[in-house]
Amino acid sequence: MAAALGDILLVLLSREPRSVLDLRQGYADLFGDRPVPDVIRIVAALTRLERGGFIRTVAWDPGSRSGARRVVALTPAGQRRQQTWLLDPPPDVDRSEVYARAMLAVAYADRDTFDGAIGACRKVVDRQRSAIEDRTGAAGPVQGARASFEVAALTSLGGWLHHLRDTLP
């Protein structure tokens, strides 16, 4: 998955403080079919986020020798960053990151943030699809096949995003 682990962790922390193991489980529950980052990667990402002022340690499990039982919470800066990350995907965001943002919005966002995140992802996907369609006229067979696949994948992703927005309460 192309989405930065740190940004995903910030969204997973949006409701309550969590330990490293809780974050890992939350990731697995949300993205069950995808490889789950190991504890070392999660601890490293949390350390970077803490240095950046986006999270703070709120508790430790005294029986643990590793950072796995460190409980962390969002700071106001972390809250703003995770909100911005959900609502403002870059124009070149890849499909797997759109999927990650949408799933995180489904699971963790309030209705306004959910609507904003899904709407922003749909706009990016629609623009990407249009850009590919606009430049495929003079393509050779390989480029044409690749473009056709990309358009089909983006069309499917856009349809899924539309379905999410229309079916969730």
Foldseek 3Di string as FASTA:
>chain_A
DPDDPLLLLLLVQLPHWDFLVVSQVVVCVLCVVDDGDDSVVSVVSVVVCVVVVQKDFDDADVVDPDSRRTIIHGDPVSNVVSLCCLQAPDLPDDPVVLVSSQSSLVVGNDLVSNVRSLVNSLVSLVVVLVVLVVPLPPDDPVSNVVSVVSNVVSVVSNVVSVCVNVPDD
